[in-house]
All heavy atoms as atom14 arrays in JSON, in Angstrom:
{
  "sequence": "IDRGAFNKAEDYSVIFLDRFGNEIGRRGIRSDDSVALDQMPDYLIKA",
  "atom14_mask": [
    [1, 1, 1, 1, 1, 1, 1, 1, 0, 0, 0, 0, 0, 0],
    [1, 1, 1, 1, 1, 1, 1, 1, 0, 0, 0, 0, 0, 0],
    [1, 1, 1, 1, 1, 1, 1, 1, 1, 1, 1, 0, 0, 0],
    [1, 1, 1, 1, 0, 0, 0, 0, 0, 0, 0, 0, 0, 0],
    [1, 1, 1, 1, 1, 0, 0, 0, 0, 0, 0, 0, 0, 0],
    [1, 1, 1, 1, 1, 1, 1, 1, 1, 1, 1, 0, 0, 0],
    [1, 1, 1, 1, 1, 1, 1, 1, 0, 0, 0, 0, 0, 0],
    [1, 1, 1, 1, 1, 1, 1, 1, 1, 0, 0, 0, 0, 0],
    [1, 1, 1, 1, 1, 0, 0, 0, 0, 0, 0, 0, 0, 0],
    [1, 1, 1, 1, 1, 1, 1, 1, 1, 0, 0, 0, 0, 0],
    [1, 1, 1, 1, 1, 1, 1, 1, 0, 0, 0, 0, 0, 0],
    [1, 1, 1, 1, 1, 1, 1, 1, 1, 1, 1, 1, 0, 0],
    [1, 1, 1, 1, 1, 1, 0, 0, 0, 0, 0, 0, 0, 0],
    [1, 1, 1, 1, 1, 1, 1, 0, 0, 0, 0, 0, 0, 0],
    [1, 1, 1, 1, 1, 1, 1, 1, 0, 0, 0, 0, 0, 0],
    [1, 1, 1, 1, 1, 1, 1, 1, 1, 1, 1, 0, 0, 0],
    [1, 1, 1, 1, 1, 1, 1, 1, 0, 0, 0, 0, 0, 0],
    [1, 1, 1, 1, 1, 1, 1, 1, 0, 0, 0, 0, 0, 0],
    [1, 1, 1, 1, 1, 1, 1, 1, 1, 1, 1, 0, 0, 0],
    [1, 1, 1, 1, 1, 1, 1, 1, 1, 1, 1, 0, 0, 0],
    [1, 1, 1, 1, 0, 0, 0, 0, 0, 0, 0, 0, 0, 0],
    [1, 1, 1, 1, 1, 1, 1, 1, 0, 0, 0, 0, 0, 0],
    [1, 1, 1, 1, 1, 1, 1, 1, 1, 0, 0, 0, 0, 0],
    [1, 1, 1, 1, 1, 1, 1, 1, 0, 0, 0, 0, 0, 0],
    [1, 1, 1, 1, 0, 0, 0, 0, 0, 0, 0, 0, 0, 0],
    [1, 1, 1, 1, 1, 1, 1, 1, 1, 1, 1, 0, 0, 0],
    [1, 1, 1, 1, 1, 1, 1, 1, 1, 1, 1, 0, 0, 0],
    [1, 1, 1, 1, 0, 0, 0, 0, 0, 0, 0, 0, 0, 0],
    [1, 1, 1, 1, 1, 1, 1, 1, 0, 0, 0, 0, 0, 0],
    [1, 1, 1, 1, 1, 1, 1, 1, 1, 1, 1, 0, 0, 0],
    [1, 1, 1, 1, 1, 1, 0, 0, 0, 0, 0, 0, 0, 0],
    [1, 1, 1, 1, 1, 1, 1, 1, 0, 0, 0, 0, 0, 0],
    [1, 1, 1, 1, 1, 1, 1, 1, 0, 0, 0, 0, 0, 0],
    [1, 1, 1, 1, 1, 1, 0, 0, 0, 0, 0, 0, 0, 0],
    [1, 1, 1, 1, 1, 1, 1, 0, 0, 0, 0, 0, 0, 0],
    [1, 1, 1, 1, 1, 0, 0, 0, 0, 0, 0, 0, 0, 0],
    [1, 1, 1, 1, 1, 1, 1, 1, 0, 0, 0, 0, 0, 0],
    [1, 1, 1, 1, 1, 1, 1, 1, 0, 0, 0, 0, 0, 0],
    [1, 1, 1, 1, 1, 1, 1, 1, 1, 0, 0, 0, 0, 0],
    [1, 1, 1, 1, 1, 1, 1, 1, 0, 0, 0, 0, 0, 0],
    [1, 1, 1, 1, 1, 1, 1, 0, 0, 0, 0, 0, 0, 0],
    [1, 1, 1, 1, 1, 1, 1, 1, 0, 0, 0, 0, 0, 0],
    [1, 1, 1, 1, 1, 1, 1, 1, 1, 1, 1, 1, 0, 0],
    [1, 1, 1, 1, 1, 1, 1, 1, 0, 0, 0, 0, 0, 0],
    [1, 1, 1, 1, 1, 1, 1, 1, 0, 0, 0, 0, 0, 0],
    [1, 1, 1, 1, 1, 1, 1, 1, 1, 0, 0, 0, 0, 0],
    [1, 1, 1, 1, 1, 0, 0, 0, 0, 0, 0, 0, 0, 0]
  ],
  "atom14_positions": [
    [[-22.88, -5.96, 3.39], [-23.53, -5.14, 2.36], [-23.64, -3.69, 2.81], [-23.41, -2.76, 2.04], [-24.92, -5.72, 2.04], [-24.78, -7.1, 1.4], [-25.68, -4.78, 1.11], [-26.09, -7.85, 1.26], [0.0, 0.0, 0.0], [0.0, 0.0, 0.0], [0.0, 0.0, 0.0], [0.0, 0.0, 0.0], [0.0, 0.0, 0.0], [0.0, 0.0, 0.0]],
    [[-23.98, -3.51, 4.1], [-24.14, -2.15, 4.62], [-22.82, -1.39, 4.59], [-22.78, -0.2, 4.29], [-24.68, -2.22, 6.05], [-24.91, -0.84, 6.64], [-25.72, -0.09, 6.08], [-24.27, -0.52, 7.66], [0.0, 0.0, 0.0], [0.0, 0.0, 0.0], [0.0, 0.0, 0.0], [0.0, 0.0, 0.0], [0.0, 0.0, 0.0], [0.0, 0.0, 0.0]],
    [[-21.72, -2.09, 4.89], [-20.41, -1.43, 4.92], [-19.75, -1.37, 3.55], [-18.78, -0.65, 3.36], [-19.46, -2.16, 5.89], [-19.85, -2.03, 7.35], [-18.83, -2.69, 8.28], [-18.84, -4.14, 8.15], [-17.87, -4.84, 7.59], [-16.83, -4.23, 7.05], [-17.95, -6.16, 7.53], [0.0, 0.0, 0.0], [0.0, 0.0, 0.0], [0.0, 0.0, 0.0]],
    [[-20.24, -2.17, 2.61], [-19.59, -2.22, 1.29], [-18.19, -2.78, 1.38], [-17.27, -2.3, 0.74], [0.0, 0.0, 0.0], [0.0, 0.0, 0.0], [0.0, 0.0, 0.0], [0.0, 0.0, 0.0], [0.0, 0.0, 0.0], [0.0, 0.0, 0.0], [0.0, 0.0, 0.0], [0.0, 0.0, 0.0], [0.0, 0.0, 0.0], [0.0, 0.0, 0.0]],
    [[-18.03, -3.83, 2.22], [-16.69, -4.38, 2.5], [-16.27, -5.35, 1.4], [-16.36, -6.56, 1.55], [-16.68, -5.07, 3.86], [0.0, 0.0, 0.0], [0.0, 0.0, 0.0], [0.0, 0.0, 0.0], [0.0, 0.0, 0.0], [0.0, 0.0, 0.0], [0.0, 0.0, 0.0], [0.0, 0.0, 0.0], [0.0, 0.0, 0.0], [0.0, 0.0, 0.0]],
    [[-15.82, -4.82, 0.28], [-15.34, -5.65, -0.82], [-13.94, -6.16, -0.52], [-13.12, -5.47, 0.09], [-15.31, -4.86, -2.13], [-16.67, -4.57, -2.69], [-17.37, -3.44, -2.31], [-17.26, -5.45, -3.58], [-18.63, -3.17, -2.82], [-18.51, -5.19, -4.11], [-19.2, -4.05, -3.72], [0.0, 0.0, 0.0], [0.0, 0.0, 0.0], [0.0, 0.0, 0.0]],
    [[-13.68, -7.39, -0.95], [-12.32, -7.92, -0.83], [-11.4, -7.19, -1.8], [-11.75, -6.94, -2.94], [-12.29, -9.42, -1.17], [-12.84, -10.27, -0.06], [-12.9, -9.82, 1.09], [-13.26, -11.47, -0.37], [0.0, 0.0, 0.0], [0.0, 0.0, 0.0], [0.0, 0.0, 0.0], [0.0, 0.0, 0.0], [0.0, 0.0, 0.0], [0.0, 0.0, 0.0]],
    [[-10.2, -6.87, -1.31], [-9.18, -6.33, -2.2], [-8.44, -7.49, -2.84], [-8.02, -8.42, -2.16], [-8.19, -5.45, -1.43], [-8.81, -4.16, -0.9], [-7.76, -3.32, -0.21], [-8.35, -2.01, 0.28], [-7.35, -1.17, 0.96], [0.0, 0.0, 0.0], [0.0, 0.0, 0.0], [0.0, 0.0, 0.0], [0.0, 0.0, 0.0], [0.0, 0.0, 0.0]],
    [[-8.25, -7.44, -4.14], [-7.61, -8.53, -4.87], [-6.1, -8.5, -4.65], [-5.33, -8.03, -5.46], [-7.92, -8.44, -6.36], [0.0, 0.0, 0.0], [0.0, 0.0, 0.0], [0.0, 0.0, 0.0], [0.0, 0.0, 0.0], [0.0, 0.0, 0.0], [0.0, 0.0, 0.0], [0.0, 0.0, 0.0], [0.0, 0.0, 0.0], [0.0, 0.0, 0.0]],
    [[-5.67, -8.98, -3.48], [-4.26, -9.03, -3.09], [-3.62, -7.65, -3.1], [-2.41, -7.51, -3.09], [-3.48, -9.95, -4.02], [-2.49, -10.88, -3.32], [-1.54, -10.22, -2.32], [-0.9, -9.2, -2.62], [-1.42, -10.73, -1.22], [0.0, 0.0, 0.0], [0.0, 0.0, 0.0], [0.0, 0.0, 0.0], [0.0, 0.0, 0.0], [0.0, 0.0, 0.0]],
    [[-4.49, -6.65, -3.11], [-4.08, -5.27, -2.88], [-3.31, -4.63, -4.04], [-3.81, -3.68, -4.63], [-3.25, -5.15, -1.6], [-4.09, -5.46, -0.38], [-5.32, -5.26, -0.44], [-3.53, -5.9, 0.61], [0.0, 0.0, 0.0], [0.0, 0.0, 0.0], [0.0, 0.0, 0.0], [0.0, 0.0, 0.0], [0.0, 0.0, 0.0], [0.0, 0.0, 0.0]],
    [[-2.12, -5.11, -4.36], [-1.26, -4.33, -5.25], [-0.65, -5.19, -6.36], [-0.47, -6.4, -6.23], [-0.13, -3.68, -4.45], [-0.6, -2.93, -3.24], [-0.22, -3.32, -1.96], [-1.43, -1.82, -3.35], [-0.65, -2.65, -0.83], [-1.87, -1.14, -2.24], [-1.48, -1.55, -0.98], [-1.93, -0.88, 0.12], [0.0, 0.0, 0.0], [0.0, 0.0, 0.0]],
    [[-0.29, -4.5, -7.43], [0.47, -5.1, -8.51], [1.74, -4.26, -8.7], [1.64, -3.05, -8.92], [-0.34, -5.12, -9.81], [0.46, -5.56, -10.89], [0.0, 0.0, 0.0], [0.0, 0.0, 0.0], [0.0, 0.0, 0.0], [0.0, 0.0, 0.0], [0.0, 0.0, 0.0], [0.0, 0.0, 0.0], [0.0, 0.0, 0.0], [0.0, 0.0, 0.0]],
    [[2.9, -4.9, -8.58], [4.17, -4.18, -8.61], [5.1, -4.78, -9.65], [5.3, -6.0, -9.68], [4.86, -4.19, -7.22], [6.14, -3.36, -7.26], [3.91, -3.67, -6.15], [0.0, 0.0, 0.0], [0.0, 0.0, 0.0], [0.0, 0.0, 0.0], [0.0, 0.0, 0.0], [0.0, 0.0, 0.0], [0.0, 0.0, 0.0], [0.0, 0.0, 0.0]],
    [[5.63, -3.92, -10.51], [6.67, -4.31, -11.47], [8.01, -3.85, -10.9], [8.17, -2.67, -10.55], [6.43, -3.65, -12.84], [5.07, -4.07, -13.4], [7.55, -4.01, -13.81], [4.7, -3.32, -14.67], [0.0, 0.0, 0.0], [0.0, 0.0, 0.0], [0.0, 0.0, 0.0], [0.0, 0.0, 0.0], [0.0, 0.0, 0.0], [0.0, 0.0, 0.0]],
    [[8.96, -4.76, -10.8], [10.26, -4.44, -10.22], [11.33, -4.31, -11.31], [11.39, -5.14, -12.24], [10.69, -5.52, -9.22], [9.86, -5.52, -7.96], [8.82, -6.42, -7.79], [10.12, -4.6, -6.95], [8.05, -6.41, -6.64], [9.37, -4.59, -5.79], [8.33, -5.49, -5.64], [0.0, 0.0, 0.0], [0.0, 0.0, 0.0], [0.0, 0.0, 0.0]],
    [[12.16, -3.3, -11.16], [13.28, -3.06, -12.06], [14.58, -3.21, -11.29], [14.63, -2.97, -10.08], [13.2, -1.65, -12.66], [11.85, -1.2, -13.22], [11.96, 0.25, -13.7], [11.4, -2.11, -14.36], [0.0, 0.0, 0.0], [0.0, 0.0, 0.0], [0.0, 0.0, 0.0], [0.0, 0.0, 0.0], [0.0, 0.0, 0.0], [0.0, 0.0, 0.0]],
    [[15.65, -3.6, -12.0], [16.95, -3.67, -11.32], [17.54, -2.26, -11.24], [16.91, -1.27, -11.62], [17.88, -4.65, -12.03], [18.28, -4.18, -13.43], [17.97, -3.02, -13.8], [18.91, -4.96, -14.16], [0.0, 0.0, 0.0], [0.0, 0.0, 0.0], [0.0, 0.0, 0.0], [0.0, 0.0, 0.0], [0.0, 0.0, 0.0], [0.0, 0.0, 0.0]],
    [[18.75, -2.16, -10.77], [19.36, -0.84, -10.55], [19.57, -0.07, -11.84], [19.71, 1.16, -11.83], [20.69, -0.99, -9.82], [21.73, -1.81, -10.55], [23.05, -1.9, -9.81], [23.66, -0.6, -9.61], [24.96, -0.41, -9.45], [25.8, -1.45, -9.46], [25.45, 0.8, -9.27], [0.0, 0.0, 0.0], [0.0, 0.0, 0.0], [0.0, 0.0, 0.0]],
    [[19.59, -0.79, -12.98], [19.8, -0.14, -14.27], [18.5, 0.08, -15.04], [18.52, 0.55, -16.17], [20.76, -0.97, -15.12], [22.1, -1.19, -14.48], [22.51, -2.45, -14.1], [22.94, -0.11, -14.23], [23.74, -2.64, -13.5], [24.17, -0.3, -13.62], [24.57, -1.56, -13.25], [0.0, 0.0, 0.0], [0.0, 0.0, 0.0], [0.0, 0.0, 0.0]],
    [[17.35, -0.26, -14.45], [16.06, 0.0, -15.09], [15.49, -1.14, -15.89], [14.48, -0.95, -16.58], [0.0, 0.0, 0.0], [0.0, 0.0, 0.0], [0.0, 0.0, 0.0], [0.0, 0.0, 0.0], [0.0, 0.0, 0.0], [0.0, 0.0, 0.0], [0.0, 0.0, 0.0], [0.0, 0.0, 0.0], [0.0, 0.0, 0.0], [0.0, 0.0, 0.0]],
    [[16.08, -2.34, -15.81], [15.56, -3.5, -16.54], [14.57, -4.26, -15.66], [14.82, -4.46, -14.47], [16.7, -4.42, -16.96], [17.75, -3.7, -17.78], [17.43, -3.04, -18.76], [19.02, -3.8, -17.37], [0.0, 0.0, 0.0], [0.0, 0.0, 0.0], [0.0, 0.0, 0.0], [0.0, 0.0, 0.0], [0.0, 0.0, 0.0], [0.0, 0.0, 0.0]],
    [[13.47, -4.72, -16.25], [12.48, -5.46, -15.47], [13.05, -6.8, -15.03], [13.63, -7.55, -15.82], [11.2, -5.68, -16.28], [10.12, -6.42, -15.49], [8.82, -6.57, -16.25], [8.58, -5.78, -17.19], [8.04, -7.49, -15.91], [0.0, 0.0, 0.0], [0.0, 0.0, 0.0], [0.0, 0.0, 0.0], [0.0, 0.0, 0.0], [0.0, 0.0, 0.0]],
    [[12.88, -7.11, -13.75], [13.39, -8.37, -13.2], [12.29, -9.26, -12.65], [12.56, -10.41, -12.27], [14.43, -8.11, -12.09], [13.83, -7.21, -11.0], [15.7, -7.52, -12.65], [14.74, -7.02, -9.79], [0.0, 0.0, 0.0], [0.0, 0.0, 0.0], [0.0, 0.0, 0.0], [0.0, 0.0, 0.0], [0.0, 0.0, 0.0], [0.0, 0.0, 0.0]],
    [[11.07, -8.77, -12.6], [9.98, -9.61, -12.11], [8.81, -8.78, -11.65], [8.85, -7.55, -11.61], [0.0, 0.0, 0.0], [0.0, 0.0, 0.0], [0.0, 0.0, 0.0], [0.0, 0.0, 0.0], [0.0, 0.0, 0.0], [0.0, 0.0, 0.0], [0.0, 0.0, 0.0], [0.0, 0.0, 0.0], [0.0, 0.0, 0.0], [0.0, 0.0, 0.0]],
    [[7.76, -9.5, -11.28], [6.53, -8.86, -10.81], [6.04, -9.6, -9.57], [6.3, -10.78, -9.39], [5.45, -8.86, -11.88], [5.87, -8.18, -13.18], [4.7, -8.05, -14.13], [5.09, -7.41, -15.39], [4.23, -6.86, -16.24], [2.94, -6.88, -15.96], [4.66, -6.3, -17.34], [0.0, 0.0, 0.0], [0.0, 0.0, 0.0], [0.0, 0.0, 0.0]],
    [[5.32, -8.87, -8.76], [4.68, -9.46, -7.59], [3.3, -8.83, -7.42], [3.03, -7.75, -7.92], [5.51, -9.23, -6.33], [6.75, -10.1, -6.22], [6.37, -11.56, -6.09], [7.53, -12.42, -5.87], [8.27, -12.97, -6.81], [7.97, -12.72, -8.09], [9.28, -13.77, -6.51], [0.0, 0.0, 0.0], [0.0, 0.0, 0.0], [0.0, 0.0, 0.0]],
    [[2.45, -9.55, -6.69], [1.1, -9.06, -6.47], [0.18, -9.49, -7.59], [0.39, -10.51, -8.26], [0.0, 0.0, 0.0], [0.0, 0.0, 0.0], [0.0, 0.0, 0.0], [0.0, 0.0, 0.0], [0.0, 0.0, 0.0], [0.0, 0.0, 0.0], [0.0, 0.0, 0.0], [0.0, 0.0, 0.0], [0.0, 0.0, 0.0], [0.0, 0.0, 0.0]],
    [[-0.85, -8.72, -7.83], [-1.87, -9.09, -8.79], [-1.51, -8.64, -10.19], [-0.75, -7.7, -10.39], [-3.24, -8.5, -8.39], [-3.18, -6.96, -8.47], [-3.66, -8.94, -7.01], [-4.52, -6.29, -8.35], [0.0, 0.0, 0.0], [0.0, 0.0, 0.0], [0.0, 0.0, 0.0], [0.0, 0.0, 0.0], [0.0, 0.0, 0.0], [0.0, 0.0, 0.0]],
    [[-2.08, -9.34, -11.15], [-2.15, -8.84, -12.52], [-3.63, -8.77, -12.83], [-4.31, -9.79, -12.87], [-1.42, -9.77, -13.5], [0.08, -9.85, -13.27], [0.7, -10.84, -14.26], [2.14, -10.95, -14.09], [2.73, -11.78, -13.24], [1.98, -12.54, -12.47], [4.04, -11.84, -13.13], [0.0, 0.0, 0.0], [0.0, 0.0, 0.0], [0.0, 0.0, 0.0]],
    [[-4.12, -7.59, -13.02], [-5.57, -7.41, -13.17], [-5.86, -6.48, -14.33], [-5.14, -5.51, -14.56], [-6.15, -6.84, -11.87], [-7.53, -6.63, -11.99], [0.0, 0.0, 0.0], [0.0, 0.0, 0.0], [0.0, 0.0, 0.0], [0.0, 0.0, 0.0], [0.0, 0.0, 0.0], [0.0, 0.0, 0.0], [0.0, 0.0, 0.0], [0.0, 0.0, 0.0]],
    [[-6.95, -6.79, -15.06], [-7.36, -5.96, -16.2], [-8.85, -6.17, -16.41], [-9.3, -7.27, -16.73], [-6.57, -6.34, -17.46], [-6.84, -5.38, -18.61], [-7.78, -4.57, -18.51], [-6.1, -5.44, -19.61], [0.0, 0.0, 0.0], [0.0, 0.0, 0.0], [0.0, 0.0, 0.0], [0.0, 0.0, 0.0], [0.0, 0.0, 0.0], [0.0, 0.0, 0.0]],
    [[-9.64, -5.12, -16.2], [-11.09, -5.21, -16.39], [-11.56, -4.34, -17.54], [-12.71, -3.91, -17.58], [-11.82, -4.82, -15.1], [-11.47, -3.41, -14.64], [-10.65, -2.75, -15.33], [-12.0, -2.98, -13.61], [0.0, 0.0, 0.0], [0.0, 0.0, 0.0], [0.0, 0.0, 0.0], [0.0, 0.0, 0.0], [0.0, 0.0, 0.0], [0.0, 0.0, 0.0]],
    [[-10.65, -4.09, -18.49], [-10.95, -3.13, -19.56], [-11.74, -3.73, -20.71], [-12.2, -2.99, -21.58], [-9.64, -2.54, -20.09], [-8.81, -3.56, -20.64], [0.0, 0.0, 0.0], [0.0, 0.0, 0.0], [0.0, 0.0, 0.0], [0.0, 0.0, 0.0], [0.0, 0.0, 0.0], [0.0, 0.0, 0.0], [0.0, 0.0, 0.0], [0.0, 0.0, 0.0]],
    [[-11.89, -5.06, -20.77], [-12.56, -5.7, -21.91], [-14.02, -5.94, -21.56], [-14.34, -6.59, -20.55], [-11.87, -7.03, -22.27], [-12.58, -7.69, -23.46], [-10.4, -6.77, -22.61], [0.0, 0.0, 0.0], [0.0, 0.0, 0.0], [0.0, 0.0, 0.0], [0.0, 0.0, 0.0], [0.0, 0.0, 0.0], [0.0, 0.0, 0.0], [0.0, 0.0, 0.0]],
    [[-14.92, -5.44, -22.37], [-16.35, -5.62, -22.14], [-16.75, -7.07, -22.41], [-16.08, -7.8, -23.13], [-17.14, -4.68, -23.04], [0.0, 0.0, 0.0], [0.0, 0.0, 0.0], [0.0, 0.0, 0.0], [0.0, 0.0, 0.0], [0.0, 0.0, 0.0], [0.0, 0.0, 0.0], [0.0, 0.0, 0.0], [0.0, 0.0, 0.0], [0.0, 0.0, 0.0]],
    [[-17.89, -7.47, -21.83], [-18.33, -8.85, -21.97], [-18.63, -9.21, -23.42], [-18.29, -10.32, -23.87], [-19.58, -9.08, -21.1], [-20.12, -10.51, -21.07], [-19.12, -11.44, -20.39], [-21.46, -10.55, -20.34], [0.0, 0.0, 0.0], [0.0, 0.0, 0.0], [0.0, 0.0, 0.0], [0.0, 0.0, 0.0], [0.0, 0.0, 0.0], [0.0, 0.0, 0.0]],
    [[-19.2, -8.28, -24.17], [-19.54, -8.59, -25.56], [-18.32, -8.66, -26.47], [-18.42, -9.08, -27.63], [-20.55, -7.58, -26.11], [-20.05, -6.14, -26.01], [-18.86, -5.93, -25.64], [-20.84, -5.22, -26.3], [0.0, 0.0, 0.0], [0.0, 0.0, 0.0], [0.0, 0.0, 0.0], [0.0, 0.0, 0.0], [0.0, 0.0, 0.0], [0.0, 0.0, 0.0]],
    [[-17.13, -8.26, -25.96], [-15.9, -8.36, -26.74], [-15.15, -9.67, -26.46], [-14.21, -10.01, -27.18], [-14.99, -7.18, -26.43], [-15.55, -5.83, -26.88], [-14.63, -4.68, -26.53], [-13.72, -4.82, -25.71], [-14.86, -3.53, -27.15], [0.0, 0.0, 0.0], [0.0, 0.0, 0.0], [0.0, 0.0, 0.0], [0.0, 0.0, 0.0], [0.0, 0.0, 0.0]],
    [[-15.58, -10.39, -25.43], [-14.91, -11.65, -25.11], [-15.41, -12.74, -26.03], [-16.56, -12.71, -26.5], [-15.2, -12.03, -23.65], [-14.58, -11.08, -22.65], [-14.84, -11.63, -20.95], [-14.06, -10.27, -20.06], [0.0, 0.0, 0.0], [0.0, 0.0, 0.0], [0.0, 0.0, 0.0], [0.0, 0.0, 0.0], [0.0, 0.0, 0.0], [0.0, 0.0, 0.0]],
    [[-14.57, -13.73, -26.33], [-14.98, -14.81, -27.25], [-16.21, -15.55, -26.72], [-16.32, -15.83, -25.53], [-13.75, -15.73, -27.27], [-12.61, -14.86, -26.86], [-13.17, -13.88, -25.9], [0.0, 0.0, 0.0], [0.0, 0.0, 0.0], [0.0, 0.0, 0.0], [0.0, 0.0, 0.0], [0.0, 0.0, 0.0], [0.0, 0.0, 0.0], [0.0, 0.0, 0.0]],
    [[-17.11, -15.86, -27.62], [-18.35, -16.54, -27.24], [-18.06, -17.91, -26.64], [-18.72, -18.33, -25.7], [-19.25, -16.66, -28.47], [-20.59, -17.3, -28.13], [-21.33, -16.73, -27.31], [-20.88, -18.38, -28.68], [0.0, 0.0, 0.0], [0.0, 0.0, 0.0], [0.0, 0.0, 0.0], [0.0, 0.0, 0.0], [0.0, 0.0, 0.0], [0.0, 0.0, 0.0]],
    [[-17.05, -18.61, -27.18], [-16.76, -19.95, -26.65], [-16.13, -19.89, -25.26], [-16.22, -20.86, -24.51], [-15.89, -20.76, -27.61], [-14.78, -20.0, -28.3], [-13.63, -19.61, -27.63], [-14.87, -19.69, -29.66], [-12.61, -18.93, -28.27], [-13.86, -19.01, -30.32], [-12.73, -18.63, -29.62], [-11.71, -17.94, -30.25], [0.0, 0.0, 0.0], [0.0, 0.0, 0.0]],
    [[-15.51, -18.78, -24.89], [-15.02, -18.65, -23.51], [-16.2, -18.56, -22.54], [-16.2, -19.19, -21.47], [-14.14, -17.42, -23.38], [-13.69, -17.05, -21.96], [-12.85, -18.17, -21.35], [-12.91, -15.73, -21.95], [0.0, 0.0, 0.0], [0.0, 0.0, 0.0], [0.0, 0.0, 0.0], [0.0, 0.0, 0.0], [0.0, 0.0, 0.0], [0.0, 0.0, 0.0]],
    [[-17.21, -17.78, -22.92], [-18.4, -17.64, -22.07], [-19.13, -18.97, -21.97], [-19.52, -19.41, -20.87], [-19.33, -16.55, -22.63], [-18.61, -15.19, -22.61], [-20.63, -16.49, -21.84], [-19.39, -14.07, -23.27], [0.0, 0.0, 0.0], [0.0, 0.0, 0.0], [0.0, 0.0, 0.0], [0.0, 0.0, 0.0], [0.0, 0.0, 0.0], [0.0, 0.0, 0.0]],
    [[-19.3, -19.66, -23.1], [-20.0, -20.94, -23.09], [-19.23, -22.0, -22.3], [-19.83, -22.8, -21.57], [-20.24, -21.41, -24.53], [-21.26, -20.58, -25.29], [-21.42, -21.08, -26.72], [-22.49, -20.27, -27.46], [-22.65, -20.7, -28.87], [0.0, 0.0, 0.0], [0.0, 0.0, 0.0], [0.0, 0.0, 0.0], [0.0, 0.0, 0.0], [0.0, 0.0, 0.0]],
    [[-17.91, -22.02, -22.45], [-17.1, -23.0, -21.71], [-17.22, -22.78, -20.21], [-17.29, -23.73, -19.43], [-15.65, -22.9, -22.15], [0.0, 0.0, 0.0], [0.0, 0.0, 0.0], [0.0, 0.0, 0.0], [0.0, 0.0, 0.0], [0.0, 0.0, 0.0], [0.0, 0.0, 0.0], [0.0, 0.0, 0.0], [0.0, 0.0, 0.0], [0.0, 0.0, 0.0]]
  ]
}
């Protein structure tokens, strides 16, 4: 708590493109914290 040592969620999220610019895959995290709690479905919270 004193150091504020939070875990990093696998550190990075990377989208990979081939030599011509087409997406070929992803590695690392997929993370999104942009949705507020009151916008999430009520049945998801209850479940």
